[in-house]
Amino acid sequence: MQSRIKPTNRSNFFQKFFILLYLCFISINCVRANPITLEGLASAIDGDTIIINNYRIRLNGVSAPELSEEGGNEAKQAMQKILENKTIKCSLSGRKSYERYIGVCWIGAVDVGALIILQGFARDCFRYSSGRYKALEPEPARYLPLPQYCLARTQKTN
Protein backbone atom coordinates (compact mmCIF):
# COMPACT_ATOMS: atom_id res chain seq x y z
CA MET A 1 0.00 0.00 0.00
CA GLN A 2 1.29 3.43 -0.94
CA SER A 3 1.61 6.27 1.55
CA ARG A 4 -0.82 9.13 1.01
CA ILE A 5 1.31 11.72 2.79
CA LYS A 6 1.81 14.73 0.53
CA PRO A 7 5.25 16.31 0.27
CA THR A 8 5.65 19.71 1.96
CA ASN A 9 4.78 22.62 -0.28
CA ARG A 10 7.81 24.87 0.05
CA SER A 11 6.30 27.85 -1.76
CA ASN A 12 3.34 27.80 0.64
CA PHE A 13 5.76 27.71 3.60
CA PHE A 14 7.75 30.68 2.27
CA GLN A 15 4.58 32.61 1.52
CA LYS A 16 3.39 32.18 5.12
CA PHE A 17 6.87 32.99 6.43
CA PHE A 18 7.04 36.27 4.50
CA ILE A 19 3.53 37.25 5.58
CA LEU A 20 4.52 36.66 9.20
CA LEU A 21 7.74 38.62 8.69
CA TYR A 22 5.76 41.51 7.14
CA LEU A 23 3.29 41.56 10.05
CA CYS A 24 6.18 41.65 12.54
CA PHE A 25 7.75 44.56 10.63
CA ILE A 26 4.46 46.49 10.65
CA SER A 27 3.92 45.93 14.38
CA ILE A 28 7.47 47.06 15.20
CA ASN A 29 6.97 50.27 13.19
CA CYS A 30 3.63 50.91 14.88
CA VAL A 31 5.19 50.56 18.33
CA ARG A 32 8.04 52.88 17.38
CA ALA A 33 5.78 55.57 15.92
CA ASN A 34 3.27 56.18 18.69
CA PRO A 35 1.66 59.61 18.36
CA ILE A 36 2.17 62.04 21.23
CA THR A 37 0.35 65.30 21.99
CA LEU A 38 2.18 68.10 23.80
CA GLU A 39 0.90 71.42 25.04
CA GLY A 40 2.66 74.39 26.59
CA LEU A 41 4.69 77.51 26.01
CA ALA A 42 7.27 77.16 23.27
CA SER A 43 10.39 78.88 22.05
CA ALA A 44 12.05 78.87 18.64
CA ILE A 45 15.26 77.00 17.91
CA ASP A 46 15.10 78.15 14.30
CA GLY A 47 12.42 78.88 11.69
CA ASP A 48 11.08 75.32 11.51
CA THR A 49 12.05 73.83 14.90
CA ILE A 50 10.56 74.68 18.28
CA ILE A 51 10.91 73.39 21.81
CA ILE A 52 8.11 72.59 24.28
CA ASN A 53 8.75 70.97 27.67
CA ASN A 54 12.25 69.88 26.59
CA TYR A 55 10.89 68.26 23.40
CA ARG A 56 12.56 69.55 20.24
CA ILE A 57 9.92 69.55 17.49
CA ARG A 58 10.57 69.76 13.76
CA LEU A 59 7.48 71.17 12.02
CA ASN A 60 6.33 68.58 9.52
CA GLY A 61 6.33 69.80 5.92
CA VAL A 62 7.98 73.17 6.67
CA SER A 63 11.44 74.22 5.46
CA ALA A 64 13.00 77.42 6.77
CA PRO A 65 16.58 78.53 6.07
CA GLU A 66 19.23 77.25 8.47
CA LEU A 67 20.63 79.79 10.91
CA SER A 68 23.86 79.85 8.89
CA GLU A 69 21.97 80.66 5.67
CA GLU A 70 20.63 84.00 4.47
CA GLY A 71 17.24 84.58 6.11
CA GLY A 72 17.85 82.00 8.86
CA ASN A 73 18.04 84.44 11.76
CA GLU A 74 15.02 86.36 10.46
CA ALA A 75 13.04 83.09 10.26
CA LYS A 76 13.97 82.25 13.86
CA GLN A 77 12.89 85.73 15.06
CA ALA A 78 9.60 85.45 13.15
CA MET A 79 8.94 82.05 14.70
CA GLN A 80 9.71 83.39 18.17
CA LYS A 81 7.23 86.22 17.61
CA ILE A 82 4.56 83.71 16.48
CA LEU A 83 5.10 81.61 19.63
CA GLU A 84 5.48 84.47 22.09
CA ASN A 85 3.39 83.96 25.26
CA LYS A 86 0.97 81.60 23.51
CA THR A 87 -0.03 78.06 24.41
CA ILE A 88 1.10 75.77 21.62
CA LYS A 89 -0.37 72.32 21.05
CA CYS A 90 1.58 69.81 18.97
CA SER A 91 0.62 66.45 17.59
CA LEU A 92 3.81 64.44 17.15
CA SER A 93 4.04 61.48 14.80
CA GLY A 94 6.36 59.53 17.10
CA ARG A 95 9.11 59.64 14.49
CA LYS A 96 12.34 61.56 14.90
CA SER A 97 14.71 63.44 12.62
CA TYR A 98 18.11 64.45 13.99
CA GLU A 99 16.98 64.08 17.62
CA ARG A 100 13.84 66.14 16.96
CA TYR A 101 10.30 64.86 17.09
CA ILE A 102 8.29 65.52 13.95
CA GLY A 103 4.86 67.06 14.29
CA VAL A 104 2.26 69.64 13.44
CA CYS A 105 1.66 72.43 15.96
CA TRP A 106 -1.21 74.86 16.50
CA ILE A 107 -2.10 78.04 18.31
CA GLY A 108 -5.79 77.35 18.87
CA ALA A 109 -6.96 76.21 15.44
CA VAL A 110 -4.15 77.96 13.51
CA ASP A 111 -1.31 75.83 12.11
CA VAL A 112 2.07 77.29 13.19
CA GLY A 113 3.76 75.94 10.04
CA ALA A 114 1.19 77.71 7.89
CA LEU A 115 1.84 80.99 9.73
CA ILE A 116 5.62 80.97 9.19
CA ILE A 117 5.11 80.13 5.50
CA LEU A 118 2.40 82.79 5.04
CA GLN A 119 4.79 85.37 6.49
CA GLY A 120 7.39 84.42 3.84
CA PHE A 121 10.07 83.03 6.18
CA ALA A 122 9.73 79.36 5.19
CA ARG A 123 8.61 77.15 2.34
CA ASP A 124 6.48 74.10 1.78
CA CYS A 125 8.55 70.90 1.98
CA PHE A 126 6.50 68.90 -0.51
CA ARG A 127 8.02 65.51 0.20
CA TYR A 128 6.67 65.63 3.77
CA SER A 129 3.65 67.93 3.42
CA SER A 130 2.27 66.51 0.16
CA GLY A 131 1.90 70.16 -0.87
CA ARG A 132 -0.54 71.22 1.87
CA TYR A 133 1.34 74.54 2.36
CA LYS A 134 2.32 75.22 -1.28
CA ALA A 135 -0.54 77.64 -1.98
CA LEU A 136 0.40 79.65 1.13
CA GLU A 137 3.90 80.58 -0.09
CA PRO A 138 4.10 84.27 -1.02
CA GLU A 139 6.14 85.03 -4.13
CA PRO A 140 9.26 86.31 -2.25
CA ALA A 141 9.45 83.06 -0.23
CA ARG A 142 10.02 81.07 -3.42
CA TYR A 143 13.57 82.49 -3.46
CA LEU A 144 14.42 80.91 -0.11
CA PRO A 145 16.67 77.85 -0.32
CA LEU A 146 14.83 74.53 -0.54
CA PRO A 147 16.80 71.42 0.44
CA GLN A 148 16.93 68.50 -1.99
CA TYR A 149 15.16 66.24 0.52
CA CYS A 150 12.04 68.42 0.21
CA LEU A 151 11.65 67.66 -3.47
CA ALA A 152 9.43 64.75 -4.44
CA ARG A 153 11.47 61.84 -5.74
CA THR A 154 10.26 62.54 -9.28
CA GLN A 155 11.39 66.20 -9.02
CA LYS A 156 15.02 65.50 -8.03
CA THR A 157 17.69 66.35 -10.52
CA ASN A 158 21.06 64.65 -10.77
C-alpha atoms as a PDB file:
ATOM      1  CA  MET A   1       0.000   0.000   0.000  1.00  0.00           C
ATOM      2  CA  GLN A   2       1.294   3.434  -0.942  1.00  0.00           C
ATOM      3  CA  SER A   3       1.615   6.272   1.552  1.00  0.00           C
ATOM      4  CA  ARG A   4      -0.820   9.129   1.009  1.00  0.00           C
ATOM      5  CA  ILE A   5       1.306  11.720   2.790  1.00  0.00           C
ATOM      6  CA  LYS A   6       1.808  14.729   0.533  1.00  0.00           C
ATOM      7  CA  PRO A   7       5.247  16.306   0.272  1.00  0.00           C
ATOM      8  CA  THR A   8       5.655  19.706   1.964  1.00  0.00           C
ATOM      9  CA  ASN A   9       4.778  22.619  -0.281  1.00  0.00           C
ATOM     10  CA  ARG A  10       7.812  24.874   0.049  1.00  0.00           C
ATOM     11  CA  SER A  11       6.296  27.847  -1.764  1.00  0.00           C
ATOM     12  CA  ASN A  12       3.335  27.801   0.643  1.00  0.00           C
ATOM     13  CA  PHE A  13       5.763  27.711   3.605  1.00  0.00           C
ATOM     14  CA  PHE A  14       7.752  30.676   2.270  1.00  0.00           C
ATOM     15  CA  GLN A  15       4.581  32.613   1.523  1.00  0.00           C
ATOM     16  CA  LYS A  16       3.386  32.181   5.119  1.00  0.00           C
ATOM     17  CA  PHE A  17       6.872  32.992   6.426  1.00  0.00           C
ATOM     18  CA  PHE A  18       7.040  36.272   4.501  1.00  0.00           C
ATOM     19  CA  ILE A  19       3.529  37.254   5.578  1.00  0.00           C
ATOM     20  CA  LEU A  20       4.518  36.658   9.204  1.00  0.00           C
ATOM     21  CA  LEU A  21       7.739  38.624   8.694  1.00  0.00           C
ATOM     22  CA  TYR A  22       5.759  41.506   7.140  1.00  0.00           C
ATOM     23  CA  LEU A  23       3.287  41.560  10.053  1.00  0.00           C
ATOM     24  CA  CYS A  24       6.179  41.654  12.542  1.00  0.00           C
ATOM     25  CA  PHE A  25       7.747  44.565  10.631  1.00  0.00           C
ATOM     26  CA  ILE A  26       4.459  46.491  10.651  1.00  0.00           C
ATOM     27  CA  SER A  27       3.920  45.930  14.375  1.00  0.00           C
ATOM     28  CA  ILE A  28       7.468  47.058  15.196  1.00  0.00           C
ATOM     29  CA  ASN A  29       6.972  50.266  13.189  1.00  0.00           C
ATOM     30  CA  CYS A  30       3.626  50.906  14.882  1.00  0.00           C
ATOM     31  CA  VAL A  31       5.190  50.559  18.327  1.00  0.00           C
ATOM     32  CA  ARG A  32       8.041  52.877  17.377  1.00  0.00           C
ATOM     33  CA  ALA A  33       5.785  55.570  15.917  1.00  0.00           C
ATOM     34  CA  ASN A  34       3.272  56.175  18.689  1.00  0.00           C
ATOM     35  CA  PRO A  35       1.660  59.607  18.361  1.00  0.00           C
ATOM     36  CA  ILE A  36       2.166  62.044  21.230  1.00  0.00           C
ATOM     37  CA  THR A  37       0.353  65.295  21.985  1.00  0.00           C
ATOM     38  CA  LEU A  38       2.179  68.102  23.800  1.00  0.00           C
ATOM     39  CA  GLU A  39       0.899  71.420  25.041  1.00  0.00           C
ATOM     40  CA  GLY A  40       2.659  74.389  26.589  1.00  0.00           C
ATOM     41  CA  LEU A  41       4.694  77.512  26.010  1.00  0.00           C
ATOM     42  CA  ALA A  42       7.275  77.156  23.273  1.00  0.00           C
ATOM     43  CA  SER A  43      10.392  78.875  22.046  1.00  0.00           C
ATOM     44  CA  ALA A  44      12.053  78.872  18.640  1.00  0.00           C
ATOM     45  CA  ILE A  45      15.257  77.000  17.914  1.00  0.00           C
ATOM     46  CA  ASP A  46      15.102  78.153  14.296  1.00  0.00           C
ATOM     47  CA  GLY A  47      12.419  78.878  11.694  1.00  0.00           C
ATOM     48  CA  ASP A  48      11.083  75.321  11.510  1.00  0.00           C
ATOM     49  CA  THR A  49      12.054  73.832  14.898  1.00  0.00           C
ATOM     50  CA  ILE A  50      10.559  74.683  18.281  1.00  0.00           C
ATOM     51  CA  ILE A  51      10.909  73.385  21.814  1.00  0.00           C
ATOM     52  CA  ILE A  52       8.109  72.595  24.279  1.00  0.00           C
ATOM     53  CA  ASN A  53       8.745  70.970  27.675  1.00  0.00           C
ATOM     54  CA  ASN A  54      12.253  69.885  26.591  1.00  0.00           C
ATOM     55  CA  TYR A  55      10.886  68.258  23.396  1.00  0.00           C
ATOM     56  CA  ARG A  56      12.557  69.547  20.244  1.00  0.00           C
ATOM     57  CA  ILE A  57       9.919  69.553  17.491  1.00  0.00           C
ATOM     58  CA  ARG A  58      10.567  69.764  13.760  1.00  0.00           C
ATOM     59  CA  LEU A  59       7.484  71.173  12.019  1.00  0.00           C
ATOM     60  CA  ASN A  60       6.331  68.580   9.515  1.00  0.00           C
ATOM     61  CA  GLY A  61       6.331  69.802   5.919  1.00  0.00           C
ATOM     62  CA  VAL A  62       7.985  73.171   6.668  1.00  0.00           C
ATOM     63  CA  SER A  63      11.435  74.225   5.456  1.00  0.00           C
ATOM     64  CA  ALA A  64      13.000  77.423   6.775  1.00  0.00           C
ATOM     65  CA  PRO A  65      16.579  78.526   6.068  1.00  0.00           C
ATOM     66  CA  GLU A  66      19.227  77.245   8.467  1.00  0.00           C
ATOM     67  CA  LEU A  67      20.633  79.795  10.915  1.00  0.00           C
ATOM     68  CA  SER A  68      23.864  79.849   8.891  1.00  0.00           C
ATOM     69  CA  GLU A  69      21.974  80.660   5.667  1.00  0.00           C
ATOM     70  CA  GLU A  70      20.627  83.995   4.470  1.00  0.00           C
ATOM     71  CA  GLY A  71      17.242  84.583   6.110  1.00  0.00           C
ATOM     72  CA  GLY A  72      17.853  81.995   8.856  1.00  0.00           C
ATOM     73  CA  ASN A  73      18.042  84.441  11.763  1.00  0.00           C
ATOM     74  CA  GLU A  74      15.017  86.364  10.458  1.00  0.00           C
ATOM     75  CA  ALA A  75      13.036  83.093  10.259  1.00  0.00           C
ATOM     76  CA  LYS A  76      13.966  82.252  13.865  1.00  0.00           C
ATOM     77  CA  GLN A  77      12.895  85.734  15.057  1.00  0.00           C
ATOM     78  CA  ALA A  78       9.605  85.448  13.151  1.00  0.00           C
ATOM     79  CA  MET A  79       8.937  82.049  14.705  1.00  0.00           C
ATOM     80  CA  GLN A  80       9.713  83.387  18.175  1.00  0.00           C
ATOM     81  CA  LYS A  81       7.235  86.221  17.609  1.00  0.00           C
ATOM     82  CA  ILE A  82       4.560  83.707  16.480  1.00  0.00           C
ATOM     83  CA  LEU A  83       5.099  81.614  19.626  1.00  0.00           C
ATOM     84  CA  GLU A  84       5.483  84.469  22.093  1.00  0.00           C
ATOM     85  CA  ASN A  85       3.393  83.960  25.264  1.00  0.00           C
ATOM     86  CA  LYS A  86       0.973  81.599  23.511  1.00  0.00           C
ATOM     87  CA  THR A  87      -0.029  78.062  24.407  1.00  0.00           C
ATOM     88  CA  ILE A  88       1.097  75.769  21.617  1.00  0.00           C
ATOM     89  CA  LYS A  89      -0.372  72.320  21.046  1.00  0.00           C
ATOM     90  CA  CYS A  90       1.583  69.806  18.969  1.00  0.00           C
ATOM     91  CA  SER A  91       0.620  66.448  17.589  1.00  0.00           C
ATOM     92  CA  LEU A  92       3.814  64.436  17.148  1.00  0.00           C
ATOM     93  CA  SER A  93       4.038  61.480  14.802  1.00  0.00           C
ATOM     94  CA  GLY A  94       6.361  59.535  17.097  1.00  0.00           C
ATOM     95  CA  ARG A  95       9.107  59.640  14.486  1.00  0.00           C
ATOM     96  CA  LYS A  96      12.339  61.556  14.898  1.00  0.00           C
ATOM     97  CA  SER A  97      14.715  63.439  12.616  1.00  0.00           C
ATOM     98  CA  TYR A  98      18.109  64.451  13.995  1.00  0.00           C
ATOM     99  CA  GLU A  99      16.978  64.080  17.619  1.00  0.00           C
ATOM    100  CA  ARG A 100      13.840  66.141  16.964  1.00  0.00           C
ATOM    101  CA  TYR A 101      10.296  64.862  17.088  1.00  0.00           C
ATOM    102  CA  ILE A 102       8.291  65.521  13.949  1.00  0.00           C
ATOM    103  CA  GLY A 103       4.865  67.056  14.295  1.00  0.00           C
ATOM    104  CA  VAL A 104       2.262  69.640  13.438  1.00  0.00           C
ATOM    105  CA  CYS A 105       1.660  72.428  15.965  1.00  0.00           C
ATOM    106  CA  TRP A 106      -1.213  74.861  16.496  1.00  0.00           C
ATOM    107  CA  ILE A 107      -2.104  78.037  18.309  1.00  0.00           C
ATOM    108  CA  GLY A 108      -5.787  77.351  18.870  1.00  0.00           C
ATOM    109  CA  ALA A 109      -6.963  76.206  15.437  1.00  0.00           C
ATOM    110  CA  VAL A 110      -4.147  77.957  13.509  1.00  0.00           C
ATOM    111  CA  ASP A 111      -1.308  75.825  12.114  1.00  0.00           C
ATOM    112  CA  VAL A 112       2.073  77.290  13.194  1.00  0.00           C
ATOM    113  CA  GLY A 113       3.765  75.940  10.042  1.00  0.00           C
ATOM    114  CA  ALA A 114       1.193  77.707   7.890  1.00  0.00           C
ATOM    115  CA  LEU A 115       1.840  80.994   9.727  1.00  0.00           C
ATOM    116  CA  ILE A 116       5.617  80.966   9.192  1.00  0.00           C
ATOM    117  CA  ILE A 117       5.109  80.126   5.504  1.00  0.00           C
ATOM    118  CA  LEU A 118       2.401  82.791   5.042  1.00  0.00           C
ATOM    119  CA  GLN A 119       4.794  85.371   6.486  1.00  0.00           C
ATOM    120  CA  GLY A 120       7.386  84.423   3.840  1.00  0.00           C
ATOM    121  CA  PHE A 121      10.074  83.030   6.180  1.00  0.00           C
ATOM    122  CA  ALA A 122       9.731  79.359   5.191  1.00  0.00           C
ATOM    123  CA  ARG A 123       8.609  77.146   2.340  1.00  0.00           C
ATOM    124  CA  ASP A 124       6.478  74.100   1.783  1.00  0.00           C
ATOM    125  CA  CYS A 125       8.552  70.898   1.980  1.00  0.00           C
ATOM    126  CA  PHE A 126       6.502  68.902  -0.515  1.00  0.00           C
ATOM    127  CA  ARG A 127       8.022  65.505   0.199  1.00  0.00           C
ATOM    128  CA  TYR A 128       6.668  65.633   3.774  1.00  0.00           C
ATOM    129  CA  SER A 129       3.648  67.932   3.418  1.00  0.00           C
ATOM    130  CA  SER A 130       2.273  66.508   0.158  1.00  0.00           C
ATOM    131  CA  GLY A 131       1.898  70.156  -0.872  1.00  0.00           C
ATOM    132  CA  ARG A 132      -0.538  71.223   1.871  1.00  0.00           C
ATOM    133  CA  TYR A 133       1.340  74.537   2.356  1.00  0.00           C
ATOM    134  CA  LYS A 134       2.324  75.223  -1.275  1.00  0.00           C
ATOM    135  CA  ALA A 135      -0.545  77.642  -1.978  1.00  0.00           C
ATOM    136  CA  LEU A 136       0.404  79.651   1.132  1.00  0.00           C
ATOM    137  CA  GLU A 137       3.901  80.580  -0.088  1.00  0.00           C
ATOM    138  CA  PRO A 138       4.098  84.275  -1.016  1.00  0.00           C
ATOM    139  CA  GLU A 139       6.143  85.035  -4.125  1.00  0.00           C
ATOM    140  CA  PRO A 140       9.260  86.308  -2.253  1.00  0.00           C
ATOM    141  CA  ALA A 141       9.447  83.056  -0.233  1.00  0.00           C
ATOM    142  CA  ARG A 142      10.022  81.072  -3.420  1.00  0.00           C
ATOM    143  CA  TYR A 143      13.566  82.494  -3.460  1.00  0.00           C
ATOM    144  CA  LEU A 144      14.422  80.907  -0.105  1.00  0.00           C
ATOM    145  CA  PRO A 145      16.670  77.854  -0.319  1.00  0.00           C
ATOM    146  CA  LEU A 146      14.829  74.533  -0.537  1.00  0.00           C
ATOM    147  CA  PRO A 147      16.800  71.417   0.439  1.00  0.00           C
ATOM    148  CA  GLN A 148      16.927  68.501  -1.994  1.00  0.00           C
ATOM    149  CA  TYR A 149      15.157  66.244   0.515  1.00  0.00           C
ATOM    150  CA  CYS A 150      12.039  68.421   0.209  1.00  0.00           C
ATOM    151  CA  LEU A 151      11.649  67.661  -3.469  1.00  0.00           C
ATOM    152  CA  ALA A 152       9.429  64.750  -4.442  1.00  0.00           C
ATOM    153  CA  ARG A 153      11.469  61.838  -5.739  1.00  0.00           C
ATOM    154  CA  THR A 154      10.262  62.544  -9.276  1.00  0.00           C
ATOM    155  CA  GLN A 155      11.392  66.205  -9.022  1.00  0.00           C
ATOM    156  CA  LYS A 156      15.020  65.499  -8.029  1.00  0.00           C
ATOM    157  CA  THR A 157      17.685  66.353 -10.524  1.00  0.00           C
ATOM    158  CA  ASN A 158      21.062  64.651 -10.768  1.00  0.00           C
END
